[in-house]
N, C-alpha and C. Protein backbone atom coordinates (compact mmCIF):
# COMPACT_ATOMS: atom_id res chain seq x y z
N MET A 1 -12.08 35.84 82.70
CA MET A 1 -10.66 35.87 82.51
C MET A 1 -10.16 37.27 82.85
N SER A 2 -9.04 37.35 83.53
CA SER A 2 -8.48 38.65 83.89
C SER A 2 -7.61 39.18 82.76
N VAL A 3 -7.32 40.48 82.78
CA VAL A 3 -6.49 41.09 81.73
C VAL A 3 -5.09 40.49 81.71
N THR A 4 -4.60 40.04 82.84
CA THR A 4 -3.25 39.49 82.89
C THR A 4 -3.19 38.05 82.35
N GLU A 5 -4.34 37.41 82.14
CA GLU A 5 -4.38 36.05 81.59
C GLU A 5 -4.58 36.02 80.08
N LEU A 6 -4.78 37.17 79.46
CA LEU A 6 -5.02 37.23 78.02
C LEU A 6 -3.79 36.83 77.23
N PRO A 7 -3.99 36.25 76.06
CA PRO A 7 -2.84 35.98 75.19
C PRO A 7 -2.11 37.29 74.90
N ALA A 8 -0.80 37.24 74.70
CA ALA A 8 0.03 38.43 74.56
C ALA A 8 -0.36 39.32 73.39
N GLU A 9 -0.73 38.76 72.27
CA GLU A 9 -1.04 39.56 71.09
C GLU A 9 -2.25 39.00 70.37
N SER A 10 -2.99 39.92 69.69
CA SER A 10 -4.07 39.47 68.82
C SER A 10 -3.44 38.81 67.59
N SER A 11 -4.12 37.83 67.07
CA SER A 11 -3.66 37.15 65.86
C SER A 11 -4.89 36.61 65.16
N GLU A 12 -4.69 35.82 64.13
CA GLU A 12 -5.83 35.22 63.45
C GLU A 12 -6.57 34.27 64.39
N ALA A 13 -5.88 33.68 65.35
CA ALA A 13 -6.51 32.72 66.25
C ALA A 13 -7.08 33.39 67.50
N VAL A 14 -6.73 34.66 67.73
CA VAL A 14 -7.17 35.38 68.92
C VAL A 14 -7.63 36.78 68.52
N VAL A 15 -8.81 37.17 69.01
CA VAL A 15 -9.33 38.50 68.77
C VAL A 15 -9.67 39.14 70.11
N LEU A 16 -9.19 40.37 70.33
CA LEU A 16 -9.62 41.16 71.47
C LEU A 16 -10.69 42.11 70.93
N LEU A 17 -11.93 41.89 71.32
CA LEU A 17 -13.06 42.66 70.83
C LEU A 17 -13.50 43.68 71.87
N ASP A 18 -13.44 44.95 71.52
CA ASP A 18 -13.84 46.05 72.40
C ASP A 18 -15.25 46.48 72.01
N VAL A 19 -16.20 46.38 72.95
CA VAL A 19 -17.59 46.68 72.66
C VAL A 19 -18.05 48.02 73.25
N ARG A 20 -17.09 48.86 73.62
CA ARG A 20 -17.45 50.18 74.17
C ARG A 20 -17.94 51.10 73.05
N GLU A 21 -18.49 52.24 73.46
CA GLU A 21 -18.98 53.24 72.52
C GLU A 21 -17.81 53.95 71.83
N ASP A 22 -18.11 54.60 70.71
CA ASP A 22 -17.08 55.27 69.91
C ASP A 22 -16.26 56.28 70.71
N ASP A 23 -16.90 57.07 71.57
CA ASP A 23 -16.17 58.08 72.34
C ASP A 23 -15.22 57.44 73.35
N GLU A 24 -15.61 56.33 73.93
CA GLU A 24 -14.74 55.60 74.86
C GLU A 24 -13.53 55.02 74.11
N TRP A 25 -13.79 54.46 72.96
CA TRP A 25 -12.75 53.87 72.11
C TRP A 25 -11.72 54.92 71.71
N ALA A 26 -12.20 56.11 71.34
CA ALA A 26 -11.31 57.18 70.88
C ALA A 26 -10.35 57.64 71.98
N LEU A 27 -10.80 57.64 73.23
CA LEU A 27 -9.96 58.09 74.36
C LEU A 27 -8.81 57.15 74.66
N GLY A 28 -9.07 55.85 74.56
CA GLY A 28 -8.02 54.89 74.88
C GLY A 28 -8.49 53.47 74.66
N ARG A 29 -7.57 52.66 74.12
CA ARG A 29 -7.91 51.27 73.82
C ARG A 29 -6.65 50.42 73.80
N ALA A 30 -6.86 49.12 73.80
CA ALA A 30 -5.75 48.18 73.70
C ALA A 30 -5.25 48.15 72.26
N PRO A 31 -3.95 48.22 72.06
CA PRO A 31 -3.41 48.12 70.71
C PRO A 31 -3.83 46.80 70.05
N GLY A 32 -4.26 46.88 68.81
CA GLY A 32 -4.65 45.68 68.07
C GLY A 32 -6.07 45.20 68.30
N ALA A 33 -6.82 45.87 69.18
CA ALA A 33 -8.20 45.45 69.45
C ALA A 33 -9.10 45.75 68.26
N GLN A 34 -10.13 44.95 68.13
CA GLN A 34 -11.17 45.18 67.12
C GLN A 34 -12.31 45.90 67.82
N HIS A 35 -12.90 46.90 67.19
CA HIS A 35 -13.95 47.68 67.83
C HIS A 35 -15.29 47.48 67.13
N ILE A 36 -16.25 46.99 67.88
CA ILE A 36 -17.65 46.94 67.44
C ILE A 36 -18.48 47.27 68.69
N PRO A 37 -19.15 48.43 68.73
CA PRO A 37 -19.98 48.75 69.89
C PRO A 37 -21.03 47.66 70.15
N LEU A 38 -21.37 47.46 71.40
CA LEU A 38 -22.30 46.39 71.79
C LEU A 38 -23.58 46.40 70.96
N VAL A 39 -24.18 47.56 70.76
CA VAL A 39 -25.46 47.63 70.03
C VAL A 39 -25.32 47.19 68.58
N ASP A 40 -24.10 47.20 68.04
CA ASP A 40 -23.88 46.83 66.65
C ASP A 40 -23.49 45.36 66.46
N ILE A 41 -23.26 44.64 67.53
CA ILE A 41 -22.79 43.25 67.43
C ILE A 41 -23.73 42.38 66.58
N PRO A 42 -25.04 42.40 66.79
CA PRO A 42 -25.88 41.52 65.96
C PRO A 42 -25.76 41.80 64.46
N ALA A 43 -25.66 43.06 64.08
CA ALA A 43 -25.58 43.41 62.67
C ALA A 43 -24.18 43.22 62.08
N ARG A 44 -23.16 43.20 62.94
CA ARG A 44 -21.78 43.16 62.44
C ARG A 44 -21.00 41.93 62.90
N ALA A 45 -21.67 40.95 63.45
CA ALA A 45 -20.98 39.76 63.97
C ALA A 45 -20.15 39.07 62.90
N ASP A 46 -20.55 39.18 61.66
CA ASP A 46 -19.79 38.52 60.58
C ASP A 46 -18.42 39.15 60.37
N GLU A 47 -18.14 40.31 60.99
CA GLU A 47 -16.82 40.94 60.92
C GLU A 47 -15.83 40.30 61.90
N ILE A 48 -16.34 39.45 62.79
CA ILE A 48 -15.51 38.79 63.80
C ILE A 48 -15.17 37.39 63.29
N ASP A 49 -13.92 37.02 63.35
CA ASP A 49 -13.48 35.71 62.87
C ASP A 49 -14.12 34.60 63.72
N ILE A 50 -14.98 33.82 63.09
CA ILE A 50 -15.70 32.74 63.78
C ILE A 50 -14.75 31.66 64.29
N ASP A 51 -13.58 31.54 63.68
CA ASP A 51 -12.63 30.50 64.07
C ASP A 51 -11.67 30.94 65.19
N ALA A 52 -11.72 32.21 65.57
CA ALA A 52 -10.82 32.74 66.59
C ALA A 52 -11.41 32.60 67.99
N GLU A 53 -10.52 32.62 68.98
CA GLU A 53 -10.95 32.79 70.36
C GLU A 53 -11.18 34.29 70.52
N VAL A 54 -12.37 34.67 70.97
CA VAL A 54 -12.74 36.08 71.05
C VAL A 54 -12.80 36.49 72.52
N TYR A 55 -11.92 37.42 72.90
CA TYR A 55 -11.90 37.95 74.26
C TYR A 55 -12.57 39.31 74.20
N VAL A 56 -13.67 39.46 74.96
CA VAL A 56 -14.50 40.66 74.85
C VAL A 56 -14.28 41.56 76.05
N VAL A 57 -14.08 42.85 75.75
CA VAL A 57 -13.80 43.84 76.78
C VAL A 57 -14.70 45.05 76.59
N CYS A 58 -15.07 45.66 77.72
CA CYS A 58 -15.77 46.94 77.71
C CYS A 58 -15.09 47.80 78.78
N ARG A 59 -15.80 48.73 79.38
CA ARG A 59 -15.15 49.59 80.38
C ARG A 59 -14.85 48.81 81.66
N GLN A 60 -15.87 48.13 82.22
CA GLN A 60 -15.67 47.44 83.48
C GLN A 60 -16.16 46.00 83.49
N GLY A 61 -16.83 45.55 82.45
CA GLY A 61 -17.22 44.15 82.38
C GLY A 61 -18.69 43.87 82.20
N GLY A 62 -19.56 44.85 82.31
CA GLY A 62 -21.00 44.62 82.19
C GLY A 62 -21.46 44.38 80.76
N ARG A 63 -21.09 45.26 79.87
CA ARG A 63 -21.51 45.12 78.47
C ARG A 63 -20.83 43.92 77.81
N SER A 64 -19.60 43.65 78.20
CA SER A 64 -18.90 42.52 77.58
C SER A 64 -19.56 41.19 77.93
N ILE A 65 -20.15 41.07 79.11
CA ILE A 65 -20.85 39.85 79.48
C ILE A 65 -22.01 39.61 78.51
N LEU A 66 -22.74 40.66 78.19
CA LEU A 66 -23.86 40.53 77.25
C LEU A 66 -23.37 40.12 75.86
N ALA A 67 -22.27 40.72 75.42
CA ALA A 67 -21.70 40.38 74.11
C ALA A 67 -21.24 38.93 74.08
N VAL A 68 -20.59 38.47 75.14
CA VAL A 68 -20.11 37.09 75.22
C VAL A 68 -21.28 36.12 75.15
N GLU A 69 -22.34 36.39 75.90
CA GLU A 69 -23.51 35.51 75.87
C GLU A 69 -24.08 35.42 74.46
N TYR A 70 -24.21 36.56 73.80
CA TYR A 70 -24.75 36.59 72.44
C TYR A 70 -23.83 35.82 71.48
N LEU A 71 -22.55 36.13 71.50
CA LEU A 71 -21.61 35.49 70.59
C LEU A 71 -21.54 33.98 70.80
N ASN A 72 -21.51 33.54 72.05
CA ASN A 72 -21.49 32.10 72.32
C ASN A 72 -22.76 31.42 71.82
N ASN A 73 -23.90 32.11 71.92
CA ASN A 73 -25.17 31.54 71.45
C ASN A 73 -25.22 31.39 69.94
N ILE A 74 -24.43 32.18 69.20
CA ILE A 74 -24.47 32.07 67.73
C ILE A 74 -23.24 31.33 67.18
N GLY A 75 -22.48 30.68 68.07
CA GLY A 75 -21.43 29.80 67.60
C GLY A 75 -19.99 30.26 67.78
N TYR A 76 -19.77 31.39 68.42
CA TYR A 76 -18.40 31.85 68.66
C TYR A 76 -17.84 31.24 69.94
N ASP A 77 -16.53 31.26 70.07
CA ASP A 77 -15.82 30.84 71.27
C ASP A 77 -15.38 32.14 71.95
N ALA A 78 -16.27 32.71 72.78
CA ALA A 78 -16.05 34.04 73.35
C ALA A 78 -15.90 33.98 74.86
N TYR A 79 -15.05 34.89 75.38
CA TYR A 79 -14.74 34.95 76.81
C TYR A 79 -14.83 36.39 77.29
N ASN A 80 -15.34 36.57 78.49
CA ASN A 80 -15.42 37.90 79.09
C ASN A 80 -14.09 38.25 79.78
N VAL A 81 -13.65 39.48 79.56
CA VAL A 81 -12.46 39.99 80.24
C VAL A 81 -12.95 40.77 81.47
N SER A 82 -12.78 40.18 82.64
CA SER A 82 -13.30 40.79 83.87
C SER A 82 -12.55 42.08 84.19
N GLY A 83 -13.31 43.05 84.64
CA GLY A 83 -12.73 44.34 84.99
C GLY A 83 -12.55 45.27 83.82
N GLY A 84 -12.65 44.74 82.61
CA GLY A 84 -12.61 45.54 81.40
C GLY A 84 -11.37 46.40 81.23
N MET A 85 -11.55 47.50 80.52
CA MET A 85 -10.44 48.39 80.23
C MET A 85 -9.96 49.16 81.46
N VAL A 86 -10.80 49.28 82.48
CA VAL A 86 -10.34 49.88 83.73
C VAL A 86 -9.26 48.98 84.34
N ALA A 87 -9.51 47.68 84.37
CA ALA A 87 -8.50 46.73 84.88
C ALA A 87 -7.27 46.73 83.99
N TRP A 88 -7.46 46.88 82.70
CA TRP A 88 -6.35 46.94 81.74
C TRP A 88 -5.42 48.09 82.11
N GLN A 89 -6.00 49.29 82.30
CA GLN A 89 -5.18 50.45 82.64
C GLN A 89 -4.53 50.28 84.02
N GLN A 90 -5.28 49.76 84.99
CA GLN A 90 -4.73 49.56 86.33
C GLN A 90 -3.57 48.57 86.32
N ALA A 91 -3.59 47.61 85.39
CA ALA A 91 -2.51 46.63 85.29
C ALA A 91 -1.29 47.19 84.56
N GLY A 92 -1.41 48.42 84.07
CA GLY A 92 -0.28 49.05 83.38
C GLY A 92 -0.04 48.52 81.97
N LEU A 93 -1.07 47.92 81.39
CA LEU A 93 -0.94 47.40 80.03
C LEU A 93 -1.00 48.55 79.03
N PRO A 94 -0.43 48.36 77.83
CA PRO A 94 -0.33 49.46 76.88
C PRO A 94 -1.69 49.95 76.37
N LEU A 95 -1.75 51.24 76.11
CA LEU A 95 -2.94 51.89 75.56
C LEU A 95 -2.55 52.73 74.36
N THR A 96 -3.48 52.88 73.46
CA THR A 96 -3.31 53.79 72.34
C THR A 96 -4.61 54.57 72.18
N SER A 97 -4.59 55.65 71.39
CA SER A 97 -5.78 56.46 71.19
C SER A 97 -5.75 57.10 69.82
N ASP A 98 -6.82 57.79 69.47
CA ASP A 98 -6.89 58.49 68.20
C ASP A 98 -5.99 59.72 68.19
N GLY A 99 -5.76 60.32 69.35
CA GLY A 99 -4.92 61.50 69.44
C GLY A 99 -3.49 61.13 69.76
N ASP A 100 -2.85 61.93 70.60
CA ASP A 100 -1.49 61.68 71.06
C ASP A 100 -1.47 60.37 71.84
N PRO A 101 -0.67 59.38 71.40
CA PRO A 101 -0.65 58.09 72.11
C PRO A 101 -0.34 58.23 73.61
N GLY A 102 0.41 59.25 73.99
CA GLY A 102 0.72 59.47 75.40
C GLY A 102 -0.47 59.92 76.22
N SER A 103 -1.54 60.36 75.53
CA SER A 103 -2.72 60.84 76.26
C SER A 103 -3.81 59.78 76.38
N ALA A 104 -3.56 58.58 75.89
CA ALA A 104 -4.55 57.50 75.96
C ALA A 104 -4.88 57.18 77.40
N LYS A 105 -6.20 57.07 77.68
CA LYS A 105 -6.64 56.76 79.04
C LYS A 105 -8.02 56.13 78.99
N ILE A 106 -8.35 55.46 80.05
CA ILE A 106 -9.67 54.86 80.20
C ILE A 106 -10.48 55.64 81.24
N TYR A 107 -9.83 56.09 82.30
CA TYR A 107 -10.50 56.86 83.34
C TYR A 107 -9.64 58.00 83.78
């Protein structure tokens, strides 16, 4: 699924899951996204709403594919966001960060 096909907002029925590392997350992320680094997914999967559609994003799409495969195998309805957060920024979609919101970036 491309970034432009994603539902407009996260809700109880929709989760945007960011599986990038902490330093990547701090620089820039999608507003409302849930953050669990890829390596932590097996230990923290119970933090993800099992009843939601889960759209998984990373920097460019490699790590999110692994997360989607894992989540789907344990009963989630998960989808890969192709192009990841790089595609998100290129599409001009909103970003936020831990610092000045105007400085949020992916690349």
